[in-house]
């Protein structure tokens, strides 16, 4: 395996799920006996049929929902404590930007809510992350003046401003056109490679997207959600457009698709 891939090769295991289960009050069994160990620096994509519990796992990881059974810890602490310490950030499919606030104000929001951070530092961090996503020249613009892809870039910048160890993305590119989607996939990988220790968990219904982005693809079964396979994607980074049309890419897409259908 070459050095480009090894630079982001995962090391320490710090997200652990043991027999994780979730039953909702109406009796729906969303998750059943999910076991998964996630290592630092991985880029994991979760794929599976609608309603298989992918988003439920994310809600438990972020502490927005608790498990009905089993155990989950993040770098040795609880999901709520990890979120409190700003170790985790979340990007939704909807950009969830405040329409009355500028791009700069939207991006600064997590630091303002945390408190105790000077305006100077907030400004510097906002400029840093907006530079990362290519929107530094749009700091004073309102969301309504941006395209869908630009709004998603702002949402990603807002998630990155707290320098999270764990970035969770729940179908962030699902509503975008294919050209914009592929552009953002490449940009996201570039950002991830700049922070060698940031771990990314990414939900998608698109098998092609999962094979392009990830170090491994986690395949889930229909409800009750279980993990049926974890397929390694042993392809060096950075990945370019030639990879999308390569024989290796096609074979990996077939492997993930086969695991989904089984």
Protein backbone atom coordinates (compact mmCIF):
# COMPACT_ATOMS: atom_id res chain seq x y z
CA UNK A 1 0.00 0.00 0.00
CA UNK A 2 1.57 3.29 -0.99
CA UNK A 3 2.37 6.29 1.18
CA UNK A 4 -0.54 8.40 -0.07
CA UNK A 5 -2.98 5.95 1.42
CA UNK A 6 -0.89 5.27 4.51
CA UNK A 7 -1.00 8.97 5.42
CA UNK A 8 -4.65 8.56 6.30
CA UNK A 9 -4.38 4.95 7.40
CA UNK A 10 -6.44 4.49 10.61
CA UNK A 11 -4.60 3.84 13.83
CA UNK A 12 -6.30 3.90 17.21
CA UNK A 13 -9.76 2.49 17.72
CA UNK A 14 -11.85 5.10 19.51
CA UNK A 15 -15.49 4.54 18.54
CA UNK A 16 -16.80 1.20 19.73
CA UNK A 17 -20.29 -0.28 19.44
CA UNK A 18 -21.08 -3.50 21.29
CA UNK A 19 -24.43 -5.24 20.76
CA UNK A 20 -26.02 -1.84 20.13
CA UNK A 21 -29.83 -1.94 19.88
CA UNK A 22 -32.57 0.63 19.53
CA UNK A 23 -36.30 0.06 20.00
CA UNK A 24 -38.58 3.07 19.61
CA UNK A 25 -41.60 3.64 21.90
CA UNK A 26 -43.97 2.44 19.16
CA UNK A 27 -42.22 -0.95 19.18
CA UNK A 28 -40.15 -0.45 16.02
CA UNK A 29 -36.82 -2.27 16.29
CA UNK A 30 -34.45 0.08 14.45
CA UNK A 31 -31.15 -1.56 15.41
CA UNK A 32 -30.30 -5.02 16.69
CA UNK A 33 -26.92 -6.23 17.98
CA UNK A 34 -24.74 -3.81 16.03
CA UNK A 35 -21.03 -4.40 16.62
CA UNK A 36 -18.50 -2.06 15.05
CA UNK A 37 -15.07 -0.71 15.94
CA UNK A 38 -14.03 2.51 14.19
CA UNK A 39 -10.42 3.61 14.14
CA UNK A 40 -8.94 7.07 14.10
CA UNK A 41 -8.53 8.42 10.59
CA UNK A 42 -11.04 6.16 8.86
CA UNK A 43 -13.54 7.42 6.30
CA UNK A 44 -16.49 5.06 6.69
CA UNK A 45 -19.53 5.12 4.42
CA UNK A 46 -22.75 3.48 5.61
CA UNK A 47 -25.08 2.07 2.95
CA UNK A 48 -28.31 0.14 3.25
CA UNK A 49 -32.02 0.23 2.42
CA UNK A 50 -34.22 3.04 3.70
CA UNK A 51 -35.18 2.57 7.33
CA UNK A 52 -32.26 0.26 8.14
CA UNK A 53 -31.07 2.41 11.04
CA UNK A 54 -28.18 4.36 9.51
CA UNK A 55 -29.45 7.69 10.80
CA UNK A 56 -30.38 6.10 14.14
CA UNK A 57 -26.74 5.08 14.63
CA UNK A 58 -25.69 8.66 13.95
CA UNK A 59 -28.20 10.03 16.46
CA UNK A 60 -26.82 7.68 19.11
CA UNK A 61 -23.21 8.62 18.30
CA UNK A 62 -24.03 12.32 18.66
CA UNK A 63 -25.96 11.77 21.88
CA UNK A 64 -29.24 13.00 20.38
CA UNK A 65 -30.78 9.61 21.15
CA UNK A 66 -29.86 6.85 23.58
CA UNK A 67 -29.55 3.12 22.85
CA UNK A 68 -32.11 0.65 24.18
CA UNK A 69 -29.39 -1.91 24.75
CA UNK A 70 -25.70 -2.49 24.31
CA UNK A 71 -22.85 -0.06 24.65
CA UNK A 72 -21.27 2.78 22.69
CA UNK A 73 -18.27 4.86 23.69
CA UNK A 74 -16.31 7.54 21.86
CA UNK A 75 -12.63 7.90 22.77
CA UNK A 76 -13.43 6.38 26.14
CA UNK A 77 -16.33 8.67 27.02
CA UNK A 78 -20.07 8.94 26.39
CA UNK A 79 -21.53 10.42 23.19
CA UNK A 80 -23.02 13.37 25.11
CA UNK A 81 -19.70 14.14 26.76
CA UNK A 82 -17.89 13.90 23.42
CA UNK A 83 -20.36 16.36 21.90
CA UNK A 84 -20.03 18.66 24.92
CA UNK A 85 -16.27 18.73 24.38
CA UNK A 86 -16.83 19.55 20.68
CA UNK A 87 -15.22 16.30 19.59
CA UNK A 88 -18.12 15.55 17.21
CA UNK A 89 -19.78 17.63 14.48
CA UNK A 90 -22.77 16.83 12.28
CA UNK A 91 -23.67 17.75 8.69
CA UNK A 92 -27.26 17.06 7.61
CA UNK A 93 -28.74 16.63 4.13
CA UNK A 94 -30.43 20.00 4.59
CA UNK A 95 -27.83 22.72 5.04
CA UNK A 96 -29.84 24.14 8.05
CA UNK A 97 -28.37 27.63 7.61
CA UNK A 98 -29.96 30.63 9.32
CA UNK A 99 -31.43 32.59 6.38
CA UNK A 100 -31.11 35.99 8.09
CA UNK A 101 -27.41 35.55 8.93
CA UNK A 102 -24.40 35.98 6.68
CA UNK A 103 -22.16 33.08 5.71
CA UNK A 104 -19.63 34.30 8.27
CA UNK A 105 -22.20 34.44 11.08
CA UNK A 106 -23.55 30.98 10.23
CA UNK A 107 -20.07 29.49 10.33
CA UNK A 108 -19.15 31.18 13.62
CA UNK A 109 -22.30 29.95 15.37
CA UNK A 110 -20.79 26.81 17.04
CA UNK A 111 -18.00 28.89 18.60
CA UNK A 112 -20.45 31.54 19.80
CA UNK A 113 -22.65 28.89 21.40
CA UNK A 114 -19.67 27.29 23.11
CA UNK A 115 -18.74 30.59 24.73
CA UNK A 116 -15.42 31.80 26.08
CA UNK A 117 -13.88 32.26 22.63
CA UNK A 118 -12.71 35.73 21.64
CA UNK A 119 -14.08 37.48 18.58
CA UNK A 120 -10.58 37.54 17.12
CA UNK A 121 -10.28 33.75 17.34
CA UNK A 122 -13.80 33.29 15.96
CA UNK A 123 -12.89 35.49 12.99
CA UNK A 124 -9.64 33.65 12.34
CA UNK A 125 -11.33 30.25 12.53
CA UNK A 126 -14.17 31.35 10.23
CA UNK A 127 -11.65 32.55 7.65
CA UNK A 128 -9.71 29.28 7.98
CA UNK A 129 -12.64 26.96 7.31
CA UNK A 130 -14.18 29.14 4.59
CA UNK A 131 -10.79 29.09 2.86
CA UNK A 132 -10.87 25.28 3.11
CA UNK A 133 -14.22 25.10 1.30
CA UNK A 134 -13.38 27.83 -1.20
CA UNK A 135 -15.84 30.44 0.08
CA UNK A 136 -13.67 33.04 1.80
CA UNK A 137 -14.85 35.69 -0.67
CA UNK A 138 -18.50 35.04 0.32
CA UNK A 139 -18.29 35.77 4.05
CA UNK A 140 -20.75 38.68 3.96
CA UNK A 141 -23.27 37.00 1.64
CA UNK A 142 -26.68 35.69 2.78
CA UNK A 143 -27.62 32.03 2.14
CA UNK A 144 -30.34 32.96 -0.38
CA UNK A 145 -27.62 34.33 -2.65
CA UNK A 146 -25.82 30.97 -2.81
CA UNK A 147 -26.32 27.88 -4.94
CA UNK A 148 -27.20 24.54 -3.37
CA UNK A 149 -23.61 23.36 -3.56
CA UNK A 150 -22.31 26.55 -1.96
CA UNK A 151 -24.82 26.26 0.89
CA UNK A 152 -23.55 22.75 1.57
CA UNK A 153 -19.98 24.05 1.61
CA UNK A 154 -21.01 26.58 4.26
CA UNK A 155 -22.62 23.79 6.29
CA UNK A 156 -19.41 21.75 6.08
CA UNK A 157 -17.34 24.79 7.10
CA UNK A 158 -19.60 25.32 10.13
CA UNK A 159 -19.06 21.68 11.16
CA UNK A 160 -15.29 22.00 10.77
CA UNK A 161 -14.85 25.23 12.76
CA UNK A 162 -14.77 23.39 16.10
CA UNK A 163 -11.93 21.15 14.79
CA UNK A 164 -13.87 17.92 15.48
CA UNK A 165 -12.21 14.55 15.87
CA UNK A 166 -15.32 12.90 14.45
CA UNK A 167 -17.35 14.33 11.55
CA UNK A 168 -20.74 12.74 10.86
CA UNK A 169 -22.45 13.42 7.53
CA UNK A 170 -25.99 12.18 6.89
CA UNK A 171 -26.58 12.15 3.11
CA UNK A 172 -25.12 15.65 2.72
CA UNK A 173 -24.98 15.52 -1.08
CA UNK A 174 -28.27 13.70 -1.68
CA UNK A 175 -30.18 16.73 -2.97
CA UNK A 176 -27.46 17.99 -5.33
CA UNK A 177 -27.04 17.47 -9.07
CA UNK A 178 -24.46 14.87 -10.11
CA UNK A 179 -21.76 17.31 -11.28
CA UNK A 180 -21.93 19.34 -8.05
CA UNK A 181 -22.06 16.13 -6.04
CA UNK A 182 -18.88 14.74 -7.61
CA UNK A 183 -17.08 18.06 -7.16
CA UNK A 184 -17.96 18.16 -3.47
CA UNK A 185 -16.90 14.53 -3.02
CA UNK A 186 -13.42 15.42 -4.25
CA UNK A 187 -13.30 18.57 -2.11
CA UNK A 188 -14.38 16.65 0.97
CA UNK A 189 -11.60 14.10 0.48
CA UNK A 190 -9.09 16.94 0.13
CA UNK A 191 -10.26 18.46 3.42
CA UNK A 192 -10.15 15.08 5.18
CA UNK A 193 -6.60 14.43 3.97
CA UNK A 194 -5.44 17.74 5.43
CA UNK A 195 -6.51 16.60 8.90
CA UNK A 196 -4.92 13.17 9.18
CA UNK A 197 -6.64 12.31 12.48
CA UNK A 198 -10.22 13.38 11.68
CA UNK A 199 -12.56 10.42 11.29
CA UNK A 200 -15.52 10.77 8.92
CA UNK A 201 -18.73 8.73 9.07
CA UNK A 202 -20.87 9.27 5.97
CA UNK A 203 -24.38 7.97 5.23
CA UNK A 204 -25.33 7.56 1.57
CA UNK A 205 -27.76 5.60 -0.61
CA UNK A 206 -25.33 5.90 -3.52
CA UNK A 207 -23.01 2.90 -3.88
CA UNK A 208 -20.79 4.77 -6.38
CA UNK A 209 -20.34 7.59 -3.87
CA UNK A 210 -19.46 5.18 -1.07
CA UNK A 211 -16.77 3.45 -3.14
CA UNK A 212 -15.25 6.76 -4.28
CA UNK A 213 -15.05 8.30 -0.81
CA UNK A 214 -14.33 5.66 1.77
CA UNK A 215 -11.59 3.58 3.29
CA UNK A 216 -14.35 1.04 4.12
CA UNK A 217 -18.04 0.63 3.33
CA UNK A 218 -20.35 -0.62 6.09
CA UNK A 219 -23.33 -2.48 4.60
CA UNK A 220 -26.50 -2.69 6.70
CA UNK A 221 -29.50 -5.00 6.44
CA UNK A 222 -33.15 -4.01 6.27
CA UNK A 223 -34.88 -3.35 9.59
CA UNK A 224 -34.00 -4.38 12.19
CA UNK A 225 -30.69 -2.87 11.17
CA UNK A 226 -27.61 -5.02 11.50
CA UNK A 227 -24.17 -4.84 9.90
CA UNK A 228 -23.94 -7.52 7.25
CA UNK A 229 -20.50 -6.61 5.85
CA UNK A 230 -17.60 -4.19 6.11
CA UNK A 231 -15.88 -3.96 2.74
CA UNK A 232 -12.39 -2.47 2.59
CA UNK A 233 -11.66 -0.04 -0.27
CA UNK A 234 -7.87 -0.51 -0.71
CA UNK A 235 -7.38 2.34 -3.17
CA UNK A 236 -4.74 5.05 -2.61
CA UNK A 237 -5.58 8.68 -1.91
CA UNK A 238 -5.88 11.16 -3.45
CA UNK A 239 -8.46 9.68 -5.81
CA UNK A 240 -9.10 11.33 -9.15
CA UNK A 241 -11.67 11.15 -11.93
CA UNK A 242 -9.79 8.31 -13.62
CA UNK A 243 -10.58 6.13 -10.61
CA UNK A 244 -14.33 6.50 -11.28
CA UNK A 245 -13.95 4.79 -14.65
CA UNK A 246 -11.35 2.19 -13.64
CA UNK A 247 -11.91 -1.57 -13.60
CA UNK A 248 -11.07 -1.63 -9.88
CA UNK A 249 -13.78 0.94 -9.13
CA UNK A 250 -16.32 -1.08 -11.11
CA UNK A 251 -15.43 -4.28 -9.26
CA UNK A 252 -15.71 -2.62 -5.84
CA UNK A 253 -19.10 -1.17 -6.79
CA UNK A 254 -20.23 -4.68 -7.73
CA UNK A 255 -18.90 -6.06 -4.43
CA UNK A 256 -20.83 -3.50 -2.37
CA UNK A 257 -23.96 -3.94 -4.48
CA UNK A 258 -23.79 -7.73 -4.04
CA UNK A 259 -23.47 -7.33 -0.27
CA UNK A 260 -26.51 -5.03 -0.27
CA UNK A 261 -28.64 -7.53 -2.19
CA UNK A 262 -27.59 -10.41 0.03
